[in-house]
N, C-alpha and C. Protein backbone atom coordinates (compact mmCIF):
# COMPACT_ATOMS: atom_id res chain seq x y z
N MET A 1 26.77 -19.65 -16.61
CA MET A 1 25.48 -19.40 -16.03
C MET A 1 24.42 -20.05 -16.93
N SER A 2 23.48 -20.77 -16.32
CA SER A 2 22.48 -21.48 -17.11
C SER A 2 21.45 -20.50 -17.70
N LEU A 3 20.77 -20.97 -18.72
CA LEU A 3 19.74 -20.16 -19.37
C LEU A 3 18.64 -19.81 -18.36
N TYR A 4 18.25 -20.79 -17.53
CA TYR A 4 17.23 -20.55 -16.51
C TYR A 4 17.67 -19.43 -15.58
N THR A 5 18.91 -19.47 -15.13
CA THR A 5 19.43 -18.45 -14.22
C THR A 5 19.42 -17.08 -14.88
N GLN A 6 19.82 -17.02 -16.14
CA GLN A 6 19.83 -15.76 -16.86
C GLN A 6 18.41 -15.21 -17.04
N LEU A 7 17.49 -16.09 -17.39
CA LEU A 7 16.10 -15.67 -17.55
C LEU A 7 15.53 -15.16 -16.25
N ARG A 8 15.75 -15.91 -15.19
CA ARG A 8 15.21 -15.49 -13.88
C ARG A 8 15.82 -14.14 -13.47
N ARG A 9 17.10 -13.97 -13.65
CA ARG A 9 17.75 -12.70 -13.30
C ARG A 9 17.12 -11.55 -14.09
N SER A 10 16.92 -11.77 -15.38
CA SER A 10 16.31 -10.74 -16.22
C SER A 10 14.89 -10.40 -15.76
N LEU A 11 14.12 -11.43 -15.44
CA LEU A 11 12.76 -11.21 -14.95
C LEU A 11 12.76 -10.42 -13.64
N VAL A 12 13.66 -10.77 -12.74
CA VAL A 12 13.74 -10.08 -11.45
C VAL A 12 14.17 -8.63 -11.65
N GLU A 13 15.21 -8.42 -12.44
CA GLU A 13 15.73 -7.07 -12.65
C GLU A 13 14.72 -6.15 -13.32
N SER A 14 13.88 -6.71 -14.18
CA SER A 14 12.89 -5.89 -14.88
C SER A 14 11.63 -5.64 -14.05
N GLY A 15 11.48 -6.39 -12.96
CA GLY A 15 10.27 -6.27 -12.15
C GLY A 15 9.15 -7.18 -12.62
N GLU A 16 9.37 -7.85 -13.73
CA GLU A 16 8.36 -8.75 -14.30
C GLU A 16 8.11 -9.96 -13.40
N TRP A 17 9.14 -10.42 -12.70
CA TRP A 17 9.02 -11.59 -11.82
C TRP A 17 7.97 -11.35 -10.74
N ASP A 18 7.97 -10.16 -10.13
CA ASP A 18 6.99 -9.84 -9.10
C ASP A 18 5.58 -9.85 -9.67
N GLN A 19 5.42 -9.34 -10.88
CA GLN A 19 4.10 -9.34 -11.52
C GLN A 19 3.62 -10.75 -11.82
N ILE A 20 4.52 -11.60 -12.31
CA ILE A 20 4.17 -12.99 -12.61
C ILE A 20 3.80 -13.72 -11.32
N GLN A 21 4.57 -13.50 -10.27
CA GLN A 21 4.26 -14.15 -9.00
C GLN A 21 2.90 -13.69 -8.47
N ALA A 22 2.58 -12.42 -8.62
CA ALA A 22 1.29 -11.91 -8.15
C ALA A 22 0.14 -12.57 -8.92
N VAL A 23 0.29 -12.71 -10.23
CA VAL A 23 -0.74 -13.37 -11.03
C VAL A 23 -0.88 -14.82 -10.61
N MET A 24 0.25 -15.50 -10.45
CA MET A 24 0.22 -16.91 -10.08
C MET A 24 -0.45 -17.09 -8.72
N HIS A 25 -0.10 -16.28 -7.75
CA HIS A 25 -0.68 -16.39 -6.42
C HIS A 25 -2.18 -16.13 -6.47
N ALA A 26 -2.59 -15.12 -7.21
CA ALA A 26 -4.02 -14.80 -7.32
C ALA A 26 -4.79 -15.96 -7.93
N ARG A 27 -4.27 -16.53 -9.01
CA ARG A 27 -4.96 -17.64 -9.68
C ARG A 27 -5.01 -18.88 -8.78
N LEU A 28 -3.91 -19.18 -8.11
CA LEU A 28 -3.89 -20.34 -7.22
C LEU A 28 -4.84 -20.15 -6.05
N ASN A 29 -4.94 -18.94 -5.57
CA ASN A 29 -5.87 -18.63 -4.49
C ASN A 29 -7.31 -18.77 -4.97
N GLU A 30 -7.60 -18.31 -6.19
CA GLU A 30 -8.95 -18.40 -6.76
C GLU A 30 -9.46 -19.84 -6.85
N VAL A 31 -8.57 -20.77 -7.17
CA VAL A 31 -8.99 -22.17 -7.33
C VAL A 31 -8.88 -22.98 -6.04
N GLY A 32 -8.49 -22.32 -4.94
CA GLY A 32 -8.43 -23.00 -3.65
C GLY A 32 -7.14 -23.75 -3.38
N TRP A 33 -6.18 -23.64 -4.28
CA TRP A 33 -4.93 -24.36 -4.14
C TRP A 33 -4.16 -23.92 -2.90
N VAL A 34 -4.12 -22.63 -2.63
CA VAL A 34 -3.37 -22.10 -1.48
C VAL A 34 -3.94 -22.69 -0.19
N ASP A 35 -5.25 -22.68 -0.04
CA ASP A 35 -5.87 -23.24 1.16
C ASP A 35 -5.63 -24.74 1.28
N GLU A 36 -5.67 -25.43 0.14
CA GLU A 36 -5.41 -26.87 0.15
C GLU A 36 -4.02 -27.18 0.69
N ILE A 37 -3.03 -26.44 0.22
CA ILE A 37 -1.65 -26.66 0.66
C ILE A 37 -1.51 -26.30 2.14
N LYS A 38 -2.13 -25.20 2.56
CA LYS A 38 -2.06 -24.80 3.98
C LYS A 38 -2.69 -25.87 4.86
N ASN A 39 -3.84 -26.42 4.44
CA ASN A 39 -4.50 -27.46 5.22
C ASN A 39 -3.66 -28.72 5.28
N GLU A 40 -3.06 -29.06 4.17
CA GLU A 40 -2.20 -30.24 4.13
C GLU A 40 -1.01 -30.07 5.07
N GLU A 41 -0.42 -28.88 5.04
CA GLU A 41 0.74 -28.59 5.89
C GLU A 41 0.37 -28.67 7.37
N SER A 42 -0.76 -28.11 7.73
CA SER A 42 -1.14 -28.08 9.15
C SER A 42 -1.56 -29.44 9.67
N SER A 43 -1.94 -30.36 8.78
CA SER A 43 -2.38 -31.68 9.23
C SER A 43 -1.22 -32.65 9.46
N ARG A 44 -0.03 -32.28 9.11
CA ARG A 44 1.13 -33.17 9.27
C ARG A 44 1.78 -32.94 10.64
N ASN A 45 2.21 -34.02 11.23
CA ASN A 45 2.91 -33.96 12.51
C ASN A 45 4.37 -34.36 12.31
N ALA A 46 5.14 -33.47 11.74
CA ALA A 46 6.54 -33.75 11.47
C ALA A 46 7.32 -32.46 11.64
N ASP A 47 8.64 -32.58 11.59
CA ASP A 47 9.46 -31.39 11.71
C ASP A 47 9.29 -30.53 10.47
N PHE A 48 9.65 -29.28 10.58
CA PHE A 48 9.42 -28.30 9.51
C PHE A 48 10.04 -28.72 8.20
N GLN A 49 11.28 -29.18 8.20
CA GLN A 49 11.96 -29.54 6.96
C GLN A 49 11.24 -30.67 6.24
N THR A 50 10.79 -31.68 6.99
CA THR A 50 10.07 -32.80 6.38
C THR A 50 8.76 -32.33 5.77
N VAL A 51 8.03 -31.50 6.50
CA VAL A 51 6.76 -30.97 5.99
C VAL A 51 7.01 -30.16 4.74
N LEU A 52 8.03 -29.31 4.76
CA LEU A 52 8.35 -28.48 3.60
C LEU A 52 8.64 -29.33 2.37
N GLU A 53 9.42 -30.37 2.53
CA GLU A 53 9.76 -31.25 1.41
C GLU A 53 8.52 -31.95 0.86
N GLN A 54 7.67 -32.44 1.76
CA GLN A 54 6.47 -33.15 1.32
C GLN A 54 5.48 -32.22 0.65
N VAL A 55 5.26 -31.06 1.25
CA VAL A 55 4.30 -30.10 0.69
C VAL A 55 4.83 -29.54 -0.63
N SER A 56 6.13 -29.27 -0.72
CA SER A 56 6.70 -28.74 -1.96
C SER A 56 6.51 -29.72 -3.11
N SER A 57 6.77 -30.97 -2.85
CA SER A 57 6.63 -31.99 -3.88
C SER A 57 5.18 -32.08 -4.35
N HIS A 58 4.26 -32.18 -3.41
CA HIS A 58 2.84 -32.27 -3.76
C HIS A 58 2.36 -30.96 -4.38
N GLY A 59 2.80 -29.85 -3.83
CA GLY A 59 2.36 -28.55 -4.30
C GLY A 59 2.72 -28.32 -5.75
N GLN A 60 3.94 -28.63 -6.12
CA GLN A 60 4.38 -28.42 -7.50
C GLN A 60 3.60 -29.30 -8.47
N SER A 61 3.34 -30.52 -8.08
CA SER A 61 2.64 -31.43 -8.99
C SER A 61 1.14 -31.18 -9.05
N SER A 62 0.60 -30.45 -8.08
CA SER A 62 -0.85 -30.25 -8.04
C SER A 62 -1.31 -28.91 -8.60
N VAL A 63 -0.38 -28.09 -9.09
CA VAL A 63 -0.77 -26.81 -9.70
C VAL A 63 -1.57 -27.13 -10.96
N PRO A 64 -2.77 -26.56 -11.09
CA PRO A 64 -3.59 -26.84 -12.27
C PRO A 64 -2.88 -26.46 -13.57
N ASN A 65 -3.05 -27.30 -14.59
CA ASN A 65 -2.39 -27.07 -15.87
C ASN A 65 -2.74 -25.72 -16.48
N ALA A 66 -3.97 -25.28 -16.31
CA ALA A 66 -4.37 -23.98 -16.88
C ALA A 66 -3.53 -22.85 -16.29
N ILE A 67 -3.22 -22.94 -15.01
CA ILE A 67 -2.40 -21.90 -14.37
C ILE A 67 -0.95 -22.01 -14.84
N LYS A 68 -0.44 -23.23 -14.96
CA LYS A 68 0.91 -23.41 -15.48
C LYS A 68 1.03 -22.79 -16.88
N LYS A 69 0.04 -23.05 -17.72
CA LYS A 69 0.06 -22.52 -19.08
C LYS A 69 -0.03 -21.00 -19.09
N GLU A 70 -0.83 -20.44 -18.19
CA GLU A 70 -0.95 -18.98 -18.13
C GLU A 70 0.38 -18.35 -17.74
N ILE A 71 1.05 -18.93 -16.76
CA ILE A 71 2.35 -18.40 -16.33
C ILE A 71 3.39 -18.57 -17.43
N GLN A 72 3.37 -19.71 -18.10
CA GLN A 72 4.29 -19.92 -19.22
C GLN A 72 4.05 -18.88 -20.31
N ALA A 73 2.80 -18.56 -20.57
CA ALA A 73 2.47 -17.56 -21.59
C ALA A 73 2.99 -16.18 -21.19
N LEU A 74 2.89 -15.85 -19.90
CA LEU A 74 3.42 -14.56 -19.43
C LEU A 74 4.93 -14.49 -19.63
N ILE A 75 5.62 -15.58 -19.33
CA ILE A 75 7.08 -15.61 -19.51
C ILE A 75 7.41 -15.54 -21.00
N LYS A 76 6.66 -16.26 -21.81
CA LYS A 76 6.89 -16.23 -23.27
C LYS A 76 6.71 -14.82 -23.82
N ARG A 77 5.65 -14.12 -23.39
CA ARG A 77 5.42 -12.75 -23.85
C ARG A 77 6.57 -11.83 -23.44
N TYR A 78 7.07 -12.04 -22.21
CA TYR A 78 8.21 -11.25 -21.75
C TYR A 78 9.41 -11.46 -22.67
N LEU A 79 9.68 -12.73 -22.98
CA LEU A 79 10.82 -13.05 -23.84
C LEU A 79 10.64 -12.48 -25.24
N GLU A 80 9.43 -12.58 -25.76
CA GLU A 80 9.18 -12.03 -27.10
C GLU A 80 9.40 -10.52 -27.14
N LYS A 81 8.95 -9.81 -26.09
CA LYS A 81 9.16 -8.37 -26.02
C LYS A 81 10.64 -8.05 -25.91
N LYS A 82 11.34 -8.83 -25.11
CA LYS A 82 12.76 -8.56 -24.87
C LYS A 82 13.61 -8.78 -26.11
N PHE A 83 13.23 -9.74 -26.93
CA PHE A 83 14.06 -10.09 -28.08
C PHE A 83 13.46 -9.71 -29.43
N GLU A 84 12.55 -8.74 -29.44
CA GLU A 84 11.99 -8.27 -30.71
C GLU A 84 13.02 -7.54 -31.53
């Protein structure tokens, strides 16, 4: 089992994953990212799978660095608490 898989499982089992997702969604919504992705998705005339692939690729690369760093810090704090 990969380290990523183990970490994700631990986050999910502890309930921390839901909290991190809530923070991430709130921050992305605050900066208009959620609306941007929704608008991009609705403007495409393609089948669902194609739209999903295109939006996912753009969505991941367009997340503001400040939000990425905040989420990384939350995960780091979780790990530090877990392995103290």
